Amino acid sequence: MEILSTILQAGGESLIHKGLAGMGAGLAAIGAGIGVGRIGGTALEAIARQPEASGDLRANMIVAAALVEGVALFAVIVCLLVAL
């Protein structure tokens, strides 16, 4: 606890904010990767069960993946802006 108080007194508060912002950006990227992976995996399972519906499933998968990536990009930008 003494180390943390020493860092804060020495102006390290901005370093802590930058570190937390970097961790937030990393978590957002990891979350997006997991989300897109699950979307792709379940879409492939659905296509394997009903091959005739592959066109609709593919379109819905692309829209859902784009939404997940958009939210993740927004989260990363917010985290990087906090770090500045």
N, C-alpha and C. Protein backbone atom coordinates (compact mmCIF):
# COMPACT_ATOMS: atom_id res chain seq x y z
N MET A 1 0.83 -1.19 0.00
CA MET A 1 0.00 0.00 0.00
C MET A 1 0.87 1.25 0.00
N GLU A 2 2.06 1.15 0.58
CA GLU A 2 2.96 2.30 0.60
C GLU A 2 3.44 2.65 -0.80
N ILE A 3 3.63 1.64 -1.62
CA ILE A 3 4.11 1.89 -2.98
C ILE A 3 3.06 2.66 -3.76
N LEU A 4 1.78 2.28 -3.62
CA LEU A 4 0.71 2.96 -4.33
C LEU A 4 0.60 4.41 -3.89
N SER A 5 0.69 4.66 -2.59
CA SER A 5 0.60 6.04 -2.12
C SER A 5 1.80 6.86 -2.58
N THR A 6 2.97 6.24 -2.66
CA THR A 6 4.16 6.94 -3.16
C THR A 6 4.00 7.29 -4.63
N ILE A 7 3.46 6.35 -5.43
CA ILE A 7 3.25 6.62 -6.85
C ILE A 7 2.23 7.74 -7.02
N LEU A 8 1.17 7.73 -6.24
CA LEU A 8 0.15 8.77 -6.36
C LEU A 8 0.69 10.13 -5.96
N GLN A 9 1.54 10.18 -4.96
CA GLN A 9 2.12 11.45 -4.54
C GLN A 9 3.11 11.97 -5.57
N ALA A 10 3.74 11.08 -6.31
CA ALA A 10 4.73 11.49 -7.30
C ALA A 10 4.11 11.80 -8.64
N GLY A 11 2.80 11.94 -8.70
CA GLY A 11 2.14 12.26 -9.96
C GLY A 11 1.85 11.04 -10.80
N GLY A 12 1.78 9.89 -10.18
CA GLY A 12 1.53 8.67 -10.91
C GLY A 12 0.07 8.39 -11.15
N GLU A 13 -0.78 9.31 -10.74
CA GLU A 13 -2.21 9.10 -10.94
C GLU A 13 -2.54 8.98 -12.42
N SER A 14 -1.87 9.78 -13.24
CA SER A 14 -2.13 9.69 -14.68
C SER A 14 -1.64 8.36 -15.24
N LEU A 15 -0.56 7.81 -14.65
CA LEU A 15 -0.09 6.50 -15.09
C LEU A 15 -1.10 5.41 -14.77
N ILE A 16 -1.73 5.53 -13.62
CA ILE A 16 -2.75 4.55 -13.23
C ILE A 16 -3.93 4.64 -14.18
N HIS A 17 -4.34 5.86 -14.53
CA HIS A 17 -5.46 6.04 -15.46
C HIS A 17 -5.12 5.45 -16.83
N LYS A 18 -3.88 5.67 -17.26
CA LYS A 18 -3.48 5.12 -18.56
C LYS A 18 -3.44 3.60 -18.53
N GLY A 19 -2.97 3.05 -17.44
CA GLY A 19 -2.94 1.60 -17.31
C GLY A 19 -4.33 0.99 -17.30
N LEU A 20 -5.24 1.62 -16.55
CA LEU A 20 -6.61 1.12 -16.52
C LEU A 20 -7.29 1.27 -17.87
N ALA A 21 -7.00 2.36 -18.58
CA ALA A 21 -7.57 2.55 -19.91
C ALA A 21 -7.04 1.49 -20.87
N GLY A 22 -5.77 1.16 -20.76
CA GLY A 22 -5.20 0.11 -21.60
C GLY A 22 -5.81 -1.25 -21.30
N MET A 23 -6.05 -1.52 -20.02
CA MET A 23 -6.69 -2.78 -19.66
C MET A 23 -8.12 -2.83 -20.19
N GLY A 24 -8.81 -1.70 -20.12
CA GLY A 24 -10.18 -1.65 -20.66
C GLY A 24 -10.22 -1.88 -22.15
N ALA A 25 -9.27 -1.28 -22.87
CA ALA A 25 -9.21 -1.49 -24.32
C ALA A 25 -8.91 -2.95 -24.65
N GLY A 26 -8.03 -3.55 -23.88
CA GLY A 26 -7.72 -4.97 -24.10
C GLY A 26 -8.91 -5.87 -23.83
N LEU A 27 -9.64 -5.58 -22.75
CA LEU A 27 -10.82 -6.38 -22.43
C LEU A 27 -11.89 -6.23 -23.51
N ALA A 28 -12.03 -5.02 -24.05
CA ALA A 28 -13.00 -4.80 -25.13
C ALA A 28 -12.63 -5.62 -26.36
N ALA A 29 -11.35 -5.65 -26.69
CA ALA A 29 -10.90 -6.42 -27.85
C ALA A 29 -11.08 -7.92 -27.63
N ILE A 30 -10.79 -8.39 -26.43
CA ILE A 30 -10.98 -9.81 -26.12
C ILE A 30 -12.46 -10.17 -26.17
N GLY A 31 -13.30 -9.31 -25.61
CA GLY A 31 -14.74 -9.56 -25.65
C GLY A 31 -15.28 -9.62 -27.06
N ALA A 32 -14.79 -8.73 -27.92
CA ALA A 32 -15.22 -8.75 -29.32
C ALA A 32 -14.78 -10.03 -30.00
N GLY A 33 -13.57 -10.48 -29.73
CA GLY A 33 -13.10 -11.73 -30.32
C GLY A 33 -13.94 -12.92 -29.90
N ILE A 34 -14.27 -12.97 -28.63
CA ILE A 34 -15.11 -14.06 -28.14
C ILE A 34 -16.50 -13.99 -28.77
N GLY A 35 -17.05 -12.78 -28.85
CA GLY A 35 -18.40 -12.61 -29.41
C GLY A 35 -18.46 -13.00 -30.88
N VAL A 36 -17.51 -12.55 -31.66
CA VAL A 36 -17.50 -12.89 -33.09
C VAL A 36 -17.26 -14.38 -33.28
N GLY A 37 -16.42 -14.97 -32.45
CA GLY A 37 -16.19 -16.41 -32.53
C GLY A 37 -17.44 -17.21 -32.25
N ARG A 38 -18.20 -16.79 -31.24
CA ARG A 38 -19.45 -17.49 -30.93
C ARG A 38 -20.47 -17.31 -32.03
N ILE A 39 -20.54 -16.10 -32.60
CA ILE A 39 -21.47 -15.86 -33.71
C ILE A 39 -21.13 -16.76 -34.88
N GLY A 40 -19.86 -16.81 -35.25
CA GLY A 40 -19.45 -17.65 -36.37
C GLY A 40 -19.68 -19.13 -36.12
N GLY A 41 -19.36 -19.56 -34.92
CA GLY A 41 -19.54 -20.98 -34.59
C GLY A 41 -20.99 -21.42 -34.63
N THR A 42 -21.86 -20.63 -34.02
CA THR A 42 -23.27 -21.01 -34.02
C THR A 42 -23.88 -20.88 -35.42
N ALA A 43 -23.41 -19.92 -36.20
CA ALA A 43 -23.91 -19.82 -37.57
C ALA A 43 -23.50 -21.04 -38.39
N LEU A 44 -22.27 -21.51 -38.22
CA LEU A 44 -21.85 -22.70 -38.95
C LEU A 44 -22.63 -23.94 -38.51
N GLU A 45 -22.94 -24.03 -37.23
CA GLU A 45 -23.76 -25.15 -36.76
C GLU A 45 -25.16 -25.09 -37.37
N ALA A 46 -25.72 -23.89 -37.44
CA ALA A 46 -27.05 -23.74 -38.01
C ALA A 46 -27.05 -24.05 -39.51
N ILE A 47 -26.01 -23.64 -40.20
CA ILE A 47 -25.91 -23.95 -41.63
C ILE A 47 -25.74 -25.46 -41.85
N ALA A 48 -25.03 -26.12 -40.95
CA ALA A 48 -24.87 -27.57 -41.07
C ALA A 48 -26.19 -28.29 -40.86
N ARG A 49 -27.04 -27.73 -39.99
CA ARG A 49 -28.35 -28.36 -39.74
C ARG A 49 -29.34 -28.08 -40.87
N GLN A 50 -29.31 -26.85 -41.40
CA GLN A 50 -30.24 -26.47 -42.46
C GLN A 50 -29.48 -25.77 -43.58
N PRO A 51 -28.90 -26.52 -44.47
CA PRO A 51 -28.10 -25.90 -45.54
C PRO A 51 -28.89 -24.99 -46.46
N GLU A 52 -30.19 -25.21 -46.58
CA GLU A 52 -31.00 -24.37 -47.47
C GLU A 52 -31.18 -22.95 -46.94
N ALA A 53 -30.92 -22.73 -45.66
CA ALA A 53 -31.07 -21.41 -45.06
C ALA A 53 -29.73 -20.69 -44.93
N SER A 54 -28.73 -21.13 -45.66
CA SER A 54 -27.39 -20.57 -45.48
C SER A 54 -27.30 -19.10 -45.86
N GLY A 55 -28.05 -18.68 -46.88
CA GLY A 55 -27.99 -17.27 -47.30
C GLY A 55 -28.49 -16.33 -46.21
N ASP A 56 -29.64 -16.65 -45.62
CA ASP A 56 -30.19 -15.81 -44.56
C ASP A 56 -29.29 -15.83 -43.32
N LEU A 57 -28.80 -17.01 -42.99
CA LEU A 57 -27.94 -17.12 -41.80
C LEU A 57 -26.64 -16.34 -41.99
N ARG A 58 -26.08 -16.40 -43.18
CA ARG A 58 -24.83 -15.70 -43.45
C ARG A 58 -25.04 -14.18 -43.33
N ALA A 59 -26.14 -13.70 -43.88
CA ALA A 59 -26.42 -12.26 -43.81
C ALA A 59 -26.61 -11.81 -42.36
N ASN A 60 -27.38 -12.59 -41.60
CA ASN A 60 -27.59 -12.24 -40.19
C ASN A 60 -26.30 -12.31 -39.40
N MET A 61 -25.45 -13.29 -39.72
CA MET A 61 -24.17 -13.41 -39.02
C MET A 61 -23.29 -12.19 -39.28
N ILE A 62 -23.25 -11.73 -40.52
CA ILE A 62 -22.42 -10.57 -40.85
C ILE A 62 -22.92 -9.32 -40.14
N VAL A 63 -24.24 -9.14 -40.08
CA VAL A 63 -24.80 -7.97 -39.39
C VAL A 63 -24.48 -8.04 -37.90
N ALA A 64 -24.67 -9.20 -37.29
CA ALA A 64 -24.39 -9.33 -35.85
C ALA A 64 -22.91 -9.12 -35.55
N ALA A 65 -22.03 -9.67 -36.38
CA ALA A 65 -20.59 -9.49 -36.17
C ALA A 65 -20.19 -8.03 -36.33
N ALA A 66 -20.80 -7.34 -37.28
CA ALA A 66 -20.50 -5.92 -37.47
C ALA A 66 -20.93 -5.10 -36.27
N LEU A 67 -22.07 -5.44 -35.69
CA LEU A 67 -22.53 -4.72 -34.49
C LEU A 67 -21.59 -4.96 -33.31
N VAL A 68 -21.16 -6.19 -33.14
CA VAL A 68 -20.22 -6.51 -32.05
C VAL A 68 -18.91 -5.75 -32.25
N GLU A 69 -18.40 -5.76 -33.47
CA GLU A 69 -17.14 -5.05 -33.75
C GLU A 69 -17.30 -3.54 -33.56
N GLY A 70 -18.46 -3.01 -33.93
CA GLY A 70 -18.69 -1.57 -33.75
C GLY A 70 -18.68 -1.17 -32.29
N VAL A 71 -19.33 -1.96 -31.46
CA VAL A 71 -19.34 -1.67 -30.02
C VAL A 71 -17.93 -1.79 -29.45
N ALA A 72 -17.18 -2.79 -29.87
CA ALA A 72 -15.81 -2.97 -29.38
C ALA A 72 -14.93 -1.81 -29.82
N LEU A 73 -15.07 -1.37 -31.06
CA LEU A 73 -14.28 -0.24 -31.53
C LEU A 73 -14.61 1.01 -30.73
N PHE A 74 -15.88 1.23 -30.46
CA PHE A 74 -16.30 2.37 -29.65
C PHE A 74 -15.68 2.29 -28.25
N ALA A 75 -15.68 1.11 -27.65
CA ALA A 75 -15.11 0.94 -26.32
C ALA A 75 -13.61 1.20 -26.31
N VAL A 76 -12.91 0.72 -27.33
CA VAL A 76 -11.47 0.95 -27.40
C VAL A 76 -11.17 2.43 -27.58
N ILE A 77 -11.92 3.13 -28.41
CA ILE A 77 -11.71 4.57 -28.62
C ILE A 77 -11.96 5.34 -27.32
N VAL A 78 -13.03 4.98 -26.61
CA VAL A 78 -13.31 5.66 -25.33
C VAL A 78 -12.18 5.42 -24.35
N CYS A 79 -11.68 4.20 -24.26
CA CYS A 79 -10.57 3.90 -23.35
C CYS A 79 -9.31 4.67 -23.72
N LEU A 80 -9.04 4.77 -25.02
CA LEU A 80 -7.84 5.51 -25.43
C LEU A 80 -8.01 7.01 -25.19
N LEU A 81 -9.22 7.53 -25.34
CA LEU A 81 -9.43 8.96 -25.06
C LEU A 81 -9.29 9.25 -23.57
N VAL A 82 -9.70 8.31 -22.73
CA VAL A 82 -9.54 8.48 -21.28
C VAL A 82 -8.07 8.53 -20.93
N ALA A 83 -7.26 7.77 -21.64
CA ALA A 83 -5.83 7.70 -21.34
C ALA A 83 -5.10 9.00 -21.70
N LEU A 84 -5.65 9.79 -22.59
CA LEU A 84 -4.95 11.03 -22.98
C LEU A 84 -5.07 12.10 -21.96
